[in-house]
Amino acid sequence: VRLAAVTAGAATLLLDVTAVDASGAVVARDALRHPLVVRASGPTVTVSTSFAVAGPEGARGNATDAGPAPVVPWPEGLALPAAVPGTGRMAVDVGVGLQPVA
């Protein structure tokens, strides 16, 4: 039997075993209840990046009668560390303008 934790914290292992004979009659039964503390497999890792994007020469900050400001593509990537499947979490904070992301 393979067991898997779905979250960290307090848990209880409950094992209930029933033995039956060839006719299906119960010949023995036993159970075990054991408290467990489920911990993370490793320390928390934080990966972050920060960058400023400058528009092309002559770009406007707002749309005008002459048309919208040009779109400037900016590729950015992160190399995420290896993790146990299903244990990670990702949050993205984005700020626009000259104020830092809070």
PDB file of N, CA and C in Angstrom:
ATOM      1  N   VAL A   1       0.848  -1.166   0.000  1.00  0.00           N
ATOM      2  CA  VAL A   1       0.000   0.000   0.000  1.00  0.00           C
ATOM      3  C   VAL A   1       0.893   1.227   0.000  1.00  0.00           C
ATOM      4  N   ARG A   2       0.624   2.154  -0.903  1.00  0.00           N
ATOM      5  CA  ARG A   2       1.386   3.407  -0.982  1.00  0.00           C
ATOM      6  C   ARG A   2       0.579   4.512  -0.337  1.00  0.00           C
ATOM      7  N   LEU A   3       1.191   5.209   0.613  1.00  0.00           N
ATOM      8  CA  LEU A   3       0.534   6.319   1.289  1.00  0.00           C
ATOM      9  C   LEU A   3       1.108   7.626   0.775  1.00  0.00           C
ATOM     10  N   ALA A   4       0.284   8.660   0.723  1.00  0.00           N
ATOM     11  CA  ALA A   4       0.743   9.969   0.281  1.00  0.00           C
ATOM     12  C   ALA A   4       0.085  11.044   1.130  1.00  0.00           C
ATOM     13  N   ALA A   5       0.855  12.050   1.517  1.00  0.00           N
ATOM     14  CA  ALA A   5       0.323  13.180   2.274  1.00  0.00           C
ATOM     15  C   ALA A   5      -0.208  14.220   1.296  1.00  0.00           C
ATOM     16  N   VAL A   6      -1.337  14.809   1.620  1.00  0.00           N
ATOM     17  CA  VAL A   6      -1.903  15.850   0.767  1.00  0.00           C
ATOM     18  C   VAL A   6      -1.626  17.240   1.324  1.00  0.00           C
ATOM     19  N   THR A   7      -1.180  17.322   2.580  1.00  0.00           N
ATOM     20  CA  THR A   7      -0.837  18.598   3.181  1.00  0.00           C
ATOM     21  C   THR A   7       0.019  18.356   4.418  1.00  0.00           C
ATOM     22  N   ALA A   8       0.691  19.374   4.886  1.00  0.00           N
ATOM     23  CA  ALA A   8       1.479  19.256   6.098  1.00  0.00           C
ATOM     24  C   ALA A   8       0.583  19.555   7.299  1.00  0.00           C
ATOM     25  N   GLY A   9       0.930  18.980   8.448  1.00  0.00           N
ATOM     26  CA  GLY A   9       0.161  19.225   9.673  1.00  0.00           C
ATOM     27  C   GLY A   9      -0.082  17.939  10.429  1.00  0.00           C
ATOM     28  N   ALA A  10      -1.078  17.944  11.297  1.00  0.00           N
ATOM     29  CA  ALA A  10      -1.418  16.762  12.095  1.00  0.00           C
ATOM     30  C   ALA A  10      -2.261  15.807  11.264  1.00  0.00           C
ATOM     31  N   ALA A  11      -2.012  14.524  11.429  1.00  0.00           N
ATOM     32  CA  ALA A  11      -2.759  13.501  10.708  1.00  0.00           C
ATOM     33  C   ALA A  11      -2.897  12.277  11.604  1.00  0.00           C
ATOM     34  N   THR A  12      -3.780  11.394  11.230  1.00  0.00           N
ATOM     35  CA  THR A  12      -3.955  10.140  11.957  1.00  0.00           C
ATOM     36  C   THR A  12      -3.908   8.997  10.962  1.00  0.00           C
ATOM     37  N   LEU A  13      -3.025   8.040  11.227  1.00  0.00           N
ATOM     38  CA  LEU A  13      -2.959   6.826  10.415  1.00  0.00           C
ATOM     39  C   LEU A  13      -3.956   5.850  11.011  1.00  0.00           C
ATOM     40  N   LEU A  14      -4.912   5.402  10.229  1.00  0.00           N
ATOM     41  CA  LEU A  14      -5.916   4.458  10.678  1.00  0.00           C
ATOM     42  C   LEU A  14      -5.797   3.214   9.809  1.00  0.00           C
ATOM     43  N   LEU A  15      -5.491   2.100  10.437  1.00  0.00           N
ATOM     44  CA  LEU A  15      -5.309   0.832   9.722  1.00  0.00           C
ATOM     45  C   LEU A  15      -6.343  -0.137  10.254  1.00  0.00           C
ATOM     46  N   ASP A  16      -7.181  -0.646   9.384  1.00  0.00           N
ATOM     47  CA  ASP A  16      -8.240  -1.584   9.764  1.00  0.00           C
ATOM     48  C   ASP A  16      -8.055  -2.834   8.911  1.00  0.00           C
ATOM     49  N   VAL A  17      -7.804  -3.979   9.547  1.00  0.00           N
ATOM     50  CA  VAL A  17      -7.516  -5.223   8.835  1.00  0.00           C
ATOM     51  C   VAL A  17      -8.579  -6.259   9.186  1.00  0.00           C
ATOM     52  N   THR A  18      -9.128  -6.893   8.163  1.00  0.00           N
ATOM     53  CA  THR A  18     -10.110  -7.957   8.355  1.00  0.00           C
ATOM     54  C   THR A  18      -9.656  -9.178   7.570  1.00  0.00           C
ATOM     55  N   ALA A  19      -9.618 -10.326   8.233  1.00  0.00           N
ATOM     56  CA  ALA A  19      -9.267 -11.591   7.569  1.00  0.00           C
ATOM     57  C   ALA A  19     -10.528 -12.424   7.405  1.00  0.00           C
ATOM     58  N   VAL A  20     -10.720 -12.944   6.204  1.00  0.00           N
ATOM     59  CA  VAL A  20     -11.889 -13.785   5.937  1.00  0.00           C
ATOM     60  C   VAL A  20     -11.419 -15.148   5.435  1.00  0.00           C
ATOM     61  N   ASP A  21     -12.247 -16.182   5.649  1.00  0.00           N
ATOM     62  CA  ASP A  21     -11.907 -17.504   5.135  1.00  0.00           C
ATOM     63  C   ASP A  21     -12.482 -17.653   3.726  1.00  0.00           C
ATOM     64  N   ALA A  22     -12.358 -18.838   3.155  1.00  0.00           N
ATOM     65  CA  ALA A  22     -12.787 -19.087   1.772  1.00  0.00           C
ATOM     66  C   ALA A  22     -14.281 -18.849   1.580  1.00  0.00           C
ATOM     67  N   SER A  23     -15.073 -19.019   2.632  1.00  0.00           N
ATOM     68  CA  SER A  23     -16.518 -18.813   2.501  1.00  0.00           C
ATOM     69  C   SER A  23     -16.907 -17.346   2.667  1.00  0.00           C
ATOM     70  N   GLY A  24     -15.944 -16.500   3.046  1.00  0.00           N
ATOM     71  CA  GLY A  24     -16.226 -15.085   3.239  1.00  0.00           C
ATOM     72  C   GLY A  24     -16.529 -14.719   4.677  1.00  0.00           C
ATOM     73  N   ALA A  25     -16.481 -15.697   5.571  1.00  0.00           N
ATOM     74  CA  ALA A  25     -16.754 -15.418   6.981  1.00  0.00           C
ATOM     75  C   ALA A  25     -15.538 -14.736   7.612  1.00  0.00           C
ATOM     76  N   VAL A  26     -15.803 -13.752   8.460  1.00  0.00           N
ATOM     77  CA  VAL A  26     -14.737 -13.045   9.153  1.00  0.00           C
ATOM     78  C   VAL A  26     -14.135 -13.959  10.214  1.00  0.00           C
ATOM     79  N   VAL A  27     -12.801 -14.137  10.133  1.00  0.00           N
ATOM     80  CA  VAL A  27     -12.128 -14.999  11.112  1.00  0.00           C
ATOM     81  C   VAL A  27     -11.248 -14.194  12.060  1.00  0.00           C
ATOM     82  N   ALA A  28     -10.884 -12.999  11.679  1.00  0.00           N
ATOM     83  CA  ALA A  28     -10.075 -12.152  12.553  1.00  0.00           C
ATOM     84  C   ALA A  28     -10.202 -10.708  12.091  1.00  0.00           C
ATOM     85  N   ARG A  29     -10.082  -9.801  13.065  1.00  0.00           N
ATOM     86  CA  ARG A  29     -10.150  -8.384  12.737  1.00  0.00           C
ATOM     87  C   ARG A  29      -9.314  -7.622  13.754  1.00  0.00           C
ATOM     88  N   ASP A  30      -8.593  -6.601  13.270  1.00  0.00           N
ATOM     89  CA  ASP A  30      -7.772  -5.789  14.155  1.00  0.00           C
ATOM     90  C   ASP A  30      -7.685  -4.391  13.555  1.00  0.00           C
ATOM     91  N   ALA A  31      -7.285  -3.441  14.394  1.00  0.00           N
ATOM     92  CA  ALA A  31      -7.182  -2.055  13.932  1.00  0.00           C
ATOM     93  C   ALA A  31      -6.068  -1.348  14.678  1.00  0.00           C
ATOM     94  N   LEU A  32      -5.558  -0.302  14.065  1.00  0.00           N
ATOM     95  CA  LEU A  32      -4.512   0.517  14.666  1.00  0.00           C
ATOM     96  C   LEU A  32      -4.823   1.972  14.345  1.00  0.00           C
ATOM     97  N   ARG A  33      -4.721   2.833  15.338  1.00  0.00           N
ATOM     98  CA  ARG A  33      -4.872   4.278  15.146  1.00  0.00           C
ATOM     99  C   ARG A  33      -3.619   4.918  15.725  1.00  0.00           C
ATOM    100  N   HIS A  34      -2.903   5.707  14.882  1.00  0.00           N
ATOM    101  CA  HIS A  34      -1.640   6.291  15.326  1.00  0.00           C
ATOM    102  C   HIS A  34      -1.546   7.735  14.838  1.00  0.00           C
ATOM    103  N   PRO A  35      -1.336   8.692  15.766  1.00  0.00           N
ATOM    104  CA  PRO A  35      -1.195  10.089  15.333  1.00  0.00           C
ATOM    105  C   PRO A  35       0.161  10.320  14.662  1.00  0.00           C
ATOM    106  N   LEU A  36       0.164  11.172  13.646  1.00  0.00           N
ATOM    107  CA  LEU A  36       1.382  11.497  12.899  1.00  0.00           C
ATOM    108  C   LEU A  36       1.489  13.007  12.729  1.00  0.00           C
ATOM    109  N   VAL A  37       2.710  13.498  12.626  1.00  0.00           N
ATOM    110  CA  VAL A  37       2.949  14.884  12.251  1.00  0.00           C
ATOM    111  C   VAL A  37       3.589  14.846  10.863  1.00  0.00           C
ATOM    112  N   VAL A  38       2.917  15.441   9.895  1.00  0.00           N
ATOM    113  CA  VAL A  38       3.405  15.461   8.515  1.00  0.00           C
ATOM    114  C   VAL A  38       4.142  16.771   8.310  1.00  0.00           C
ATOM    115  N   ARG A  39       5.404  16.658   7.957  1.00  0.00           N
ATOM    116  CA  ARG A  39       6.230  17.853   7.742  1.00  0.00           C
ATOM    117  C   ARG A  39       6.612  17.950   6.269  1.00  0.00           C
ATOM    118  N   ALA A  40       7.026  19.140   5.880  1.00  0.00           N
ATOM    119  CA  ALA A  40       7.495  19.356   4.508  1.00  0.00           C
ATOM    120  C   ALA A  40       8.766  18.542   4.271  1.00  0.00           C
ATOM    121  N   SER A  41       8.993  18.185   3.031  1.00  0.00           N
ATOM    122  CA  SER A  41      10.161  17.373   2.704  1.00  0.00           C
ATOM    123  C   SER A  41      11.455  18.175   2.695  1.00  0.00           C
ATOM    124  N   GLY A  42      11.359  19.464   2.712  1.00  0.00           N
ATOM    125  CA  GLY A  42      12.559  20.298   2.704  1.00  0.00           C
ATOM    126  C   GLY A  42      12.207  21.727   3.049  1.00  0.00           C
ATOM    127  N   PRO A  43      13.212  22.583   3.168  1.00  0.00           N
ATOM    128  CA  PRO A  43      12.940  23.973   3.512  1.00  0.00           C
ATOM    129  C   PRO A  43      12.253  24.708   2.354  1.00  0.00           C
ATOM    130  N   THR A  44      11.552  25.774   2.700  1.00  0.00           N
ATOM    131  CA  THR A  44      10.892  26.603   1.691  1.00  0.00           C
ATOM    132  C   THR A  44      11.942  27.310   0.848  1.00  0.00           C
ATOM    133  N   VAL A  45      11.690  27.383  -0.446  1.00  0.00           N
ATOM    134  CA  VAL A  45      12.594  28.062  -1.371  1.00  0.00           C
ATOM    135  C   VAL A  45      11.824  29.201  -2.029  1.00  0.00           C
ATOM    136  N   THR A  46      12.420  30.381  -2.067  1.00  0.00           N
ATOM    137  CA  THR A  46      11.809  31.518  -2.746  1.00  0.00           C
ATOM    138  C   THR A  46      12.675  31.897  -3.940  1.00  0.00           C
ATOM    139  N   VAL A  47      12.050  32.009  -5.095  1.00  0.00           N
ATOM    140  CA  VAL A  47      12.735  32.415  -6.320  1.00  0.00           C
ATOM    141  C   VAL A  47      12.064  33.695  -6.782  1.00  0.00           C
ATOM    142  N   SER A  48      12.858  34.729  -7.072  1.00  0.00           N
ATOM    143  CA  SER A  48      12.238  35.987  -7.493  1.00  0.00           C
ATOM    144  C   SER A  48      13.103  36.699  -8.518  1.00  0.00           C
ATOM    145  N   THR A  49      12.484  37.651  -9.186  1.00  0.00           N
ATOM    146  CA  THR A  49      13.194  38.499 -10.130  1.00  0.00           C
ATOM    147  C   THR A  49      12.508  39.857 -10.147  1.00  0.00           C
ATOM    148  N   SER A  50      13.230  40.850 -10.535  1.00  0.00           N
ATOM    149  CA  SER A  50      12.678  42.192 -10.642  1.00  0.00           C
ATOM    150  C   SER A  50      13.335  42.868 -11.833  1.00  0.00           C
ATOM    151  N   PHE A  51      12.576  43.603 -12.617  1.00  0.00           N
ATOM    152  CA  PHE A  51      13.150  44.292 -13.761  1.00  0.00           C
ATOM    153  C   PHE A  51      12.278  45.474 -14.152  1.00  0.00           C
ATOM    154  N   ALA A  52      12.870  46.442 -14.804  1.00  0.00           N
ATOM    155  CA  ALA A  52      12.144  47.593 -15.329  1.00  0.00           C
ATOM    156  C   ALA A  52      12.091  47.468 -16.844  1.00  0.00           C
ATOM    157  N   VAL A  53      10.999  47.862 -17.415  1.00  0.00           N
ATOM    158  CA  VAL A  53      10.837  47.811 -18.866  1.00  0.00           C
ATOM    159  C   VAL A  53      10.742  49.242 -19.372  1.00  0.00           C
ATOM    160  N   ALA A  54      11.630  49.611 -20.284  1.00  0.00           N
ATOM    161  CA  ALA A  54      11.600  50.942 -20.891  1.00  0.00           C
ATOM    162  C   ALA A  54      10.998  50.823 -22.282  1.00  0.00           C
ATOM    163  N   GLY A  55      10.129  51.763 -22.621  1.00  0.00           N
ATOM    164  CA  GLY A  55       9.516  51.759 -23.938  1.00  0.00           C
ATOM    165  C   GLY A  55      10.509  52.236 -25.000  1.00  0.00           C
ATOM    166  N   PRO A  56      10.204  52.017 -26.273  1.00  0.00           N
ATOM    167  CA  PRO A  56      11.099  52.465 -27.342  1.00  0.00           C
ATOM    168  C   PRO A  56      11.131  53.991 -27.416  1.00  0.00           C
ATOM    169  N   GLU A  57      12.147  54.518 -28.065  1.00  0.00           N
ATOM    170  CA  GLU A  57      12.313  55.968 -28.225  1.00  0.00           C
ATOM    171  C   GLU A  57      11.045  56.566 -28.833  1.00  0.00           C
ATOM    172  N   GLY A  58      10.517  57.617 -28.202  1.00  0.00           N
ATOM    173  CA  GLY A  58       9.326  58.290 -28.728  1.00  0.00           C
ATOM    174  C   GLY A  58       8.016  57.643 -28.330  1.00  0.00           C
ATOM    175  N   ALA A  59       8.051  56.622 -27.488  1.00  0.00           N
ATOM    176  CA  ALA A  59       6.801  55.956 -27.085  1.00  0.00           C
ATOM    177  C   ALA A  59       5.990  56.873 -26.189  1.00  0.00           C
ATOM    178  N   ARG A  60       4.694  56.774 -26.300  1.00  0.00           N
ATOM    179  CA  ARG A  60       3.805  57.561 -25.457  1.00  0.00           C
ATOM    180  C   ARG A  60       3.327  56.705 -24.296  1.00  0.00           C
ATOM    181  N   GLY A  61       3.098  57.340 -23.155  1.00  0.00           N
ATOM    182  CA  GLY A  61       2.640  56.597 -21.993  1.00  0.00           C
ATOM    183  C   GLY A  61       1.166  56.252 -22.055  1.00  0.00           C
ATOM    184  N   ASN A  62       0.361  57.007 -22.805  1.00  0.00           N
ATOM    185  CA  ASN A  62      -1.077  56.770 -22.902  1.00  0.00           C
ATOM    186  C   ASN A  62      -1.498  56.799 -24.364  1.00  0.00           C
ATOM    187  N   ALA A  63      -2.668  56.218 -24.615  1.00  0.00           N
ATOM    188  CA  ALA A  63      -3.214  56.275 -25.977  1.00  0.00           C
ATOM    189  C   ALA A  63      -3.610  57.708 -26.293  1.00  0.00           C
ATOM    190  N   THR A  64      -3.437  58.103 -27.542  1.00  0.00           N
ATOM    191  CA  THR A  64      -3.827  59.446 -27.987  1.00  0.00           C
ATOM    192  C   THR A  64      -4.646  59.313 -29.249  1.00  0.00           C
ATOM    193  N   ASP A  65      -5.011  60.472 -29.823  1.00  0.00           N
ATOM    194  CA  ASP A  65      -5.749  60.447 -31.083  1.00  0.00           C
ATOM    195  C   ASP A  65      -4.918  59.822 -32.199  1.00  0.00           C
ATOM    196  N   ALA A  66      -3.589  59.834 -32.020  1.00  0.00           N
ATOM    197  CA  ALA A  66      -2.720  59.269 -33.051  1.00  0.00           C
ATOM    198  C   ALA A  66      -2.680  57.737 -32.978  1.00  0.00           C
ATOM    199  N   GLY A  67      -3.302  57.158 -31.951  1.00  0.00           N
ATOM    200  CA  GLY A  67      -3.312  55.695 -31.811  1.00  0.00           C
ATOM    201  C   GLY A  67      -2.717  55.259 -30.485  1.00  0.00           C
ATOM    202  N   PRO A  68      -2.820  53.989 -30.209  1.00  0.00           N
ATOM    203  CA  PRO A  68      -2.312  53.483 -28.931  1.00  0.00           C
ATOM    204  C   PRO A  68      -0.784  53.462 -28.907  1.00  0.00           C
ATOM    205  N   ALA A  69      -0.237  53.472 -27.703  1.00  0.00           N
ATOM    206  CA  ALA A  69       1.217  53.346 -27.547  1.00  0.00           C
ATOM    207  C   ALA A  69       1.645  51.980 -28.066  1.00  0.00           C
ATOM    208  N   PRO A  70       2.860  51.882 -28.621  1.00  0.00           N
ATOM    209  CA  PRO A  70       3.305  50.595 -29.159  1.00  0.00           C
ATOM    210  C   PRO A  70       3.480  49.556 -28.052  1.00  0.00           C
ATOM    211  N   VAL A  71       3.259  48.292 -28.407  1.00  0.00           N
ATOM    212  CA  VAL A  71       3.450  47.179 -27.477  1.00  0.00           C
ATOM    213  C   VAL A  71       4.908  46.751 -27.560  1.00  0.00           C
ATOM    214  N   VAL A  72       5.533  46.627 -26.412  1.00  0.00           N
ATOM    215  CA  VAL A  72       6.935  46.221 -26.365  1.00  0.00           C
ATOM    216  C   VAL A  72       7.015  44.856 -25.684  1.00  0.00           C
ATOM    217  N   PRO A  73       7.246  43.768 -26.431  1.00  0.00           N
ATOM    218  CA  PRO A  73       7.351  42.456 -25.784  1.00  0.00           C
ATOM    219  C   PRO A  73       8.609  42.384 -24.918  1.00  0.00           C
ATOM    220  N   TRP A  74       8.485  41.728 -23.762  1.00  0.00           N
ATOM    221  CA  TRP A  74       9.623  41.600 -22.850  1.00  0.00           C
ATOM    222  C   TRP A  74       9.625  40.191 -22.289  1.00  0.00           C
ATOM    223  N   PRO A  75      10.470  39.324 -22.804  1.00  0.00           N
ATOM    224  CA  PRO A  75      10.511  37.957 -22.271  1.00  0.00           C
ATOM    225  C   PRO A  75      11.227  37.931 -20.923  1.00  0.00           C
ATOM    226  N   GLU A  76      10.727  37.138 -20.026  1.00  0.00           N
ATOM    227  CA  GLU A  76      11.349  36.967 -18.708  1.00  0.00           C
ATOM    228  C   GLU A  76      11.100  35.518 -18.287  1.00  0.00           C
ATOM    229  N   GLY A  77      12.066  34.917 -17.668  1.00  0.00           N
ATOM    230  CA  GLY A  77      11.902  33.530 -17.249  1.00  0.00           C
ATOM    231  C   GLY A  77      12.533  33.273 -15.902  1.00  0.00           C
ATOM    232  N   LEU A  78      12.073  32.227 -15.254  1.00  0.00           N
ATOM    233  CA  LEU A  78      12.623  31.768 -13.984  1.00  0.00           C
ATOM    234  C   LEU A  78      12.933  30.292 -14.091  1.00  0.00           C
ATOM    235  N   ALA A  79      14.029  29.876 -13.506  1.00  0.00           N
ATOM    236  CA  ALA A  79      14.333  28.459 -13.404  1.00  0.00           C
ATOM    237  C   ALA A  79      13.875  28.006 -12.020  1.00  0.00           C
ATOM    238  N   LEU A  80      12.785  27.266 -11.971  1.00  0.00           N
ATOM    239  CA  LEU A  80      12.243  26.819 -10.691  1.00  0.00           C
ATOM    240  C   LEU A  80      13.025  25.610 -10.171  1.00  0.00           C
ATOM    241  N   PRO A  81      13.232  25.527  -8.863  1.00  0.00           N
ATOM    242  CA  PRO A  81      13.959  24.391  -8.297  1.00  0.00           C
ATOM    243  C   PRO A  81      13.122  23.116  -8.364  1.00  0.00           C
ATOM    244  N   ALA A  82      13.796  21.982  -8.311  1.00  0.00           N
ATOM    245  CA  ALA A  82      13.099  20.695  -8.305  1.00  0.00           C
ATOM    246  C   ALA A  82      12.250  20.593  -7.044  1.00  0.00           C
ATOM    247  N   ALA A  83      11.073  19.991  -7.155  1.00  0.00           N
ATOM    248  CA  ALA A  83      10.178  19.845  -6.007  1.00  0.00           C
ATOM    249  C   ALA A  83       9.371  18.565  -6.156  1.00  0.00           C
ATOM    250  N   VAL A  84       8.852  18.078  -5.052  1.00  0.00           N
ATOM    251  CA  VAL A  84       7.966  16.923  -5.083  1.00  0.00           C
ATOM    252  C   VAL A  84       6.689  17.355  -5.803  1.00  0.00           C
ATOM    253  N   PRO A  85       6.217  16.592  -6.795  1.00  0.00           N
ATOM    254  CA  PRO A  85       5.014  16.981  -7.533  1.00  0.00           C
ATOM    255  C   PRO A  85       3.841  17.268  -6.596  1.00  0.00           C
ATOM    256  N   GLY A  86       3.145  18.368  -6.858  1.00  0.00           N
ATOM    257  CA  GLY A  86       1.974  18.731  -6.083  1.00  0.00           C
ATOM    258  C   GLY A  86       2.271  19.487  -4.797  1.00  0.00           C
ATOM    259  N   THR A  87       3.555  19.800  -4.514  1.00  0.00           N
ATOM    260  CA  THR A  87       3.873  20.462  -3.259  1.00  0.00           C
ATOM    261  C   THR A  87       4.207  21.936  -3.434  1.00  0.00           C
ATOM    262  N   GLY A  88       4.355  22.399  -4.635  1.00  0.00           N
ATOM    263  CA  GLY A  88       4.776  23.776  -4.859  1.00  0.00           C
ATOM    264  C   GLY A  88       3.623  24.755  -4.909  1.00  0.00           C
ATOM    265  N   ARG A  89       3.977  26.024  -4.887  1.00  0.00           N
ATOM    266  CA  ARG A  89       3.007  27.105  -4.996  1.00  0.00           C
ATOM    267  C   ARG A  89       3.706  28.251  -5.703  1.00  0.00           C
ATOM    268  N   MET A  90       2.967  28.967  -6.537  1.00  0.00           N
ATOM    269  CA  MET A  90       3.554  30.093  -7.238  1.00  0.00           C
ATOM    270  C   MET A  90       2.660  31.310  -7.075  1.00  0.00           C
ATOM    271  N   ALA A  91       3.273  32.445  -6.779  1.00  0.00           N
ATOM    272  CA  ALA A  91       2.560  33.712  -6.690  1.00  0.00           C
ATOM    273  C   ALA A  91       3.296  34.712  -7.567  1.00  0.00           C
ATOM    274  N   VAL A  92       2.556  35.515  -8.295  1.00  0.00           N
ATOM    275  CA  VAL A  92       3.142  36.533  -9.158  1.00  0.00           C
ATOM    276  C   VAL A  92       2.607  37.884  -8.723  1.00  0.00           C
ATOM    277  N   ASP A  93       3.507  38.802  -8.384  1.00  0.00           N
ATOM    278  CA  ASP A  93       3.141  40.167  -8.027  1.00  0.00           C
ATOM    279  C   ASP A  93       3.659  41.084  -9.126  1.00  0.00           C
ATOM    280  N   VAL A  94       2.793  41.948  -9.631  1.00  0.00           N
ATOM    281  CA  VAL A  94       3.150  42.823 -10.740  1.00  0.00           C
ATOM    282  C   VAL A  94       2.802  44.259 -10.367  1.00  0.00           C
ATOM    283  N   GLY A  95       3.691  45.184 -10.690  1.00  0.00           N
ATOM    284  CA  GLY A  95       3.422  46.594 -10.454  1.00  0.00           C
ATOM    285  C   GLY A  95       3.570  47.379 -11.738  1.00  0.00           C
ATOM    286  N   VAL A  96       2.811  48.446 -11.880  1.00  0.00           N
ATOM    287  CA  VAL A  96       2.885  49.300 -13.053  1.00  0.00           C
ATOM    288  C   VAL A  96       3.167  50.712 -12.578  1.00  0.00           C
ATOM    289  N   GLY A  97       4.097  51.374 -13.240  1.00  0.00           N
ATOM    290  CA  GLY A  97       4.444  52.731 -12.859  1.00  0.00           C
ATOM    291  C   GLY A  97       5.744  52.751 -12.086  1.00  0.00           C
ATOM    292  N   LEU A  98       5.933  53.793 -11.313  1.00  0.00           N
ATOM    293  CA  LEU A  98       7.187  53.957 -10.598  1.00  0.00           C
ATOM    294  C   LEU A  98       7.137  53.464  -9.165  1.00  0.00           C
ATOM    295  N   GLN A  99       6.003  52.943  -8.716  1.00  0.00           N
ATOM    296  CA  GLN A  99       5.872  52.473  -7.347  1.00  0.00           C
ATOM    297  C   GLN A  99       6.262  50.986  -7.255  1.00  0.00           C
ATOM    298  N   PRO A 100       6.963  50.593  -6.195  1.00  0.00           N
ATOM    299  CA  PRO A 100       7.309  49.175  -6.035  1.00  0.00           C
ATOM    300  C   PRO A 100       6.073  48.341  -5.696  1.00  0.00           C
ATOM    301  N   VAL A 101       6.148  47.071  -5.996  1.00  0.00           N
ATOM    302  CA  VAL A 101       5.089  46.145  -5.647  1.00  0.00           C
ATOM    303  C   VAL A 101       5.109  45.961  -4.137  1.00  0.00           C
ATOM    304  N   ALA A 102       3.964  46.060  -3.497  1.00  0.00           N
ATOM    305  CA  ALA A 102       3.903  45.920  -2.030  1.00  0.00           C
ATOM    306  C   ALA A 102       3.645  44.488  -1.649  1.00  0.00           C
TER     307      ALA A 102
END
